[in-house]
């Protein structure tokens, strides 16, 4: 006796939650990738600043005109480092926001999955109960027919 198939009434909502979770997961991956790129840019900017500082020190031993030029490059490099640090900080904040969003989306999805599992378990129990009742009824009918047949003998 095949029972009726389980159907979760909120399946479309669950699929929507799964889609939202996947979008949040992708947003987190994008934010982490952007952070990685900004951290690399910061590393390069800091290396460039160190090089500019070295050039300023070398220029001090040489020509005063080169000091001014090297100092201008150093100031520009310092500004780039500061701007890149700010960008890294902003990226880190975006990563944290994306993580929080993913946690929230995942929590909503898990709540629906738990509800679906509970409903599926209830459905399975009801199907098992109905199946047992069906087989008990069949056994009772078979037993009654056997008793009738024996009483006719």
Protein backbone atom coordinates (compact mmCIF):
# COMPACT_ATOMS: atom_id res chain seq x y z
CA UNK A 1 0.00 0.00 0.00
CA UNK A 2 1.83 3.11 -1.15
CA UNK A 3 1.17 6.14 1.02
CA UNK A 4 0.78 9.66 -0.11
CA UNK A 5 3.96 11.50 -0.94
CA UNK A 6 5.34 14.04 1.54
CA UNK A 7 4.85 17.62 0.45
CA UNK A 8 6.29 20.51 2.48
CA UNK A 9 3.79 23.35 2.36
CA UNK A 10 6.52 26.00 2.71
CA UNK A 11 8.85 24.53 0.08
CA UNK A 12 8.83 27.71 -2.04
CA UNK A 13 9.70 29.80 1.00
CA UNK A 14 12.52 27.39 1.87
CA UNK A 15 13.85 27.63 -1.69
CA UNK A 16 13.74 31.43 -1.43
CA UNK A 17 15.66 31.27 1.87
CA UNK A 18 18.22 28.94 0.30
CA UNK A 19 18.64 31.37 -2.59
CA UNK A 20 19.07 34.28 -0.16
CA UNK A 21 21.64 32.29 1.79
CA UNK A 22 23.56 31.54 -1.38
CA UNK A 23 23.51 35.22 -2.37
CA UNK A 24 24.80 36.15 1.10
CA UNK A 25 27.50 33.49 0.81
CA UNK A 26 28.56 34.93 -2.56
CA UNK A 27 28.54 38.48 -1.16
CA UNK A 28 30.83 37.32 1.66
CA UNK A 29 33.18 35.68 -0.83
CA UNK A 30 33.25 38.87 -2.91
CA UNK A 31 33.93 41.01 0.17
CA UNK A 32 36.73 38.69 1.29
CA UNK A 33 38.26 38.79 -2.18
CA UNK A 34 38.10 42.61 -2.21
CA UNK A 35 39.70 42.70 1.24
CA UNK A 36 42.49 40.45 0.05
CA UNK A 37 43.13 42.75 -2.91
CA UNK A 38 43.15 45.86 -0.69
CA UNK A 39 45.53 44.19 1.75
CA UNK A 40 47.85 43.37 -1.15
CA UNK A 41 47.60 46.98 -2.33
CA UNK A 42 48.42 48.17 1.19
CA UNK A 43 51.44 45.92 1.31
CA UNK A 44 52.65 47.34 -2.00
CA UNK A 45 51.97 50.92 -0.88
CA UNK A 46 53.92 50.37 2.33
CA UNK A 47 56.81 48.89 0.36
CA UNK A 48 56.72 51.90 -1.96
CA UNK A 49 56.71 54.25 1.05
CA UNK A 50 59.73 52.45 2.50
CA UNK A 51 61.51 52.86 -0.83
CA UNK A 52 60.65 56.57 -0.91
CA UNK A 53 61.99 57.01 2.62
CA UNK A 54 65.20 55.30 1.56
CA UNK A 55 65.47 57.69 -1.41
CA UNK A 56 64.95 60.72 0.85
CA UNK A 57 67.77 59.49 3.08
CA UNK A 58 70.02 59.02 0.03
CA UNK A 59 69.09 62.45 -1.33
CA UNK A 60 70.12 64.11 1.93
CA UNK A 61 73.63 62.97 1.26
CA UNK A 62 73.57 64.37 -2.23
CA UNK A 63 71.84 67.30 -3.85
CA UNK A 64 69.31 69.60 -2.03
CA UNK A 65 67.05 69.71 -5.12
CA UNK A 66 66.73 65.94 -5.02
CA UNK A 67 65.72 66.14 -1.35
CA UNK A 68 62.66 68.17 -2.25
CA UNK A 69 61.72 65.85 -5.11
CA UNK A 70 62.24 62.69 -3.01
CA UNK A 71 60.27 64.24 -0.14
CA UNK A 72 57.37 64.96 -2.50
CA UNK A 73 57.37 61.30 -3.61
CA UNK A 74 57.48 60.23 0.04
CA UNK A 75 54.50 62.47 0.91
CA UNK A 76 52.54 61.03 -2.02
CA UNK A 77 53.44 57.49 -0.96
CA UNK A 78 52.39 58.23 2.63
CA UNK A 79 49.05 59.57 1.39
CA UNK A 80 48.55 56.43 -0.70
CA UNK A 81 49.29 54.25 2.33
CA UNK A 82 46.75 56.14 4.44
CA UNK A 83 44.08 55.93 1.76
CA UNK A 84 44.75 52.24 1.27
CA UNK A 85 44.57 51.61 5.03
CA UNK A 86 41.18 53.33 5.07
CA UNK A 87 40.07 51.16 2.15
CA UNK A 88 41.26 48.02 3.96
CA UNK A 89 39.34 49.08 7.07
CA UNK A 90 36.20 49.66 5.00
CA UNK A 91 36.63 46.24 3.35
CA UNK A 92 37.01 44.56 6.73
CA UNK A 93 33.77 46.19 7.85
CA UNK A 94 32.04 44.96 4.67
CA UNK A 95 33.34 41.45 5.35
CA UNK A 96 31.94 41.56 8.89
CA UNK A 97 28.61 42.86 7.61
CA UNK A 98 28.53 40.13 4.98
CA UNK A 99 29.29 37.50 7.64
CA UNK A 100 26.50 38.80 9.84
CA UNK A 101 24.11 38.80 6.89
CA UNK A 102 25.10 35.23 6.00
CA UNK A 103 24.56 34.10 9.61
CA UNK A 104 21.12 35.73 9.61
CA UNK A 105 20.14 34.19 6.27
CA UNK A 106 21.43 30.77 7.30
CA UNK A 107 19.49 30.97 10.57
CA UNK A 108 16.25 31.66 8.67
CA UNK A 109 16.95 28.79 6.29
CA UNK A 110 17.78 26.38 9.12
CA UNK A 111 14.52 27.25 10.91
CA UNK A 112 12.54 26.25 7.82
CA UNK A 113 14.63 23.12 7.31
CA UNK A 114 13.94 22.12 10.91
CA UNK A 115 10.22 22.69 10.37
CA UNK A 116 10.35 20.61 7.17
CA UNK A 117 12.16 17.79 9.03
CA UNK A 118 9.56 17.85 11.79
CA UNK A 119 6.73 17.73 9.27
CA UNK A 120 8.46 14.92 7.35
CA UNK A 121 8.90 12.92 10.57
CA UNK A 122 5.22 13.47 11.45
CA UNK A 123 4.22 12.43 7.92
CA UNK A 124 6.37 9.29 8.15
CA UNK A 125 4.82 8.38 11.52
CA UNK A 126 1.31 8.87 10.13
CA UNK A 127 2.15 6.80 7.04
CA UNK A 128 3.57 4.02 9.19
CA UNK A 129 0.50 4.09 11.42
CA UNK A 130 -1.83 3.98 8.39
CA UNK A 131 0.18 1.16 6.86
CA UNK A 132 0.04 -0.85 10.08
CA UNK A 133 -3.70 -0.24 10.34
CA UNK A 134 -4.15 -1.39 6.74
CA UNK A 135 -2.16 -4.57 7.31
CA UNK A 136 -3.98 -5.25 10.59
CA UNK A 137 -7.29 -4.88 8.76
CA UNK A 138 -6.09 -7.23 6.02
CA UNK A 139 -4.97 -9.78 8.59
CA UNK A 140 -8.29 -9.52 10.43
CA UNK A 141 -10.24 -10.01 7.21
CA UNK A 142 -8.08 -12.98 6.25
CA UNK A 143 -8.53 -14.48 9.71
CA UNK A 144 -12.32 -13.97 9.55
CA UNK A 145 -12.48 -15.67 6.14
CA UNK A 146 -10.38 -18.55 7.42
CA UNK A 147 -12.67 -18.93 10.45
CA UNK A 148 -15.76 -18.91 8.19
CA UNK A 149 -14.20 -21.48 5.91
CA UNK A 150 -13.35 -23.72 8.85
CA UNK A 151 -16.82 -23.38 10.35
CA UNK A 152 -18.34 -24.57 7.07
CA UNK A 153 -16.42 -27.78 7.27
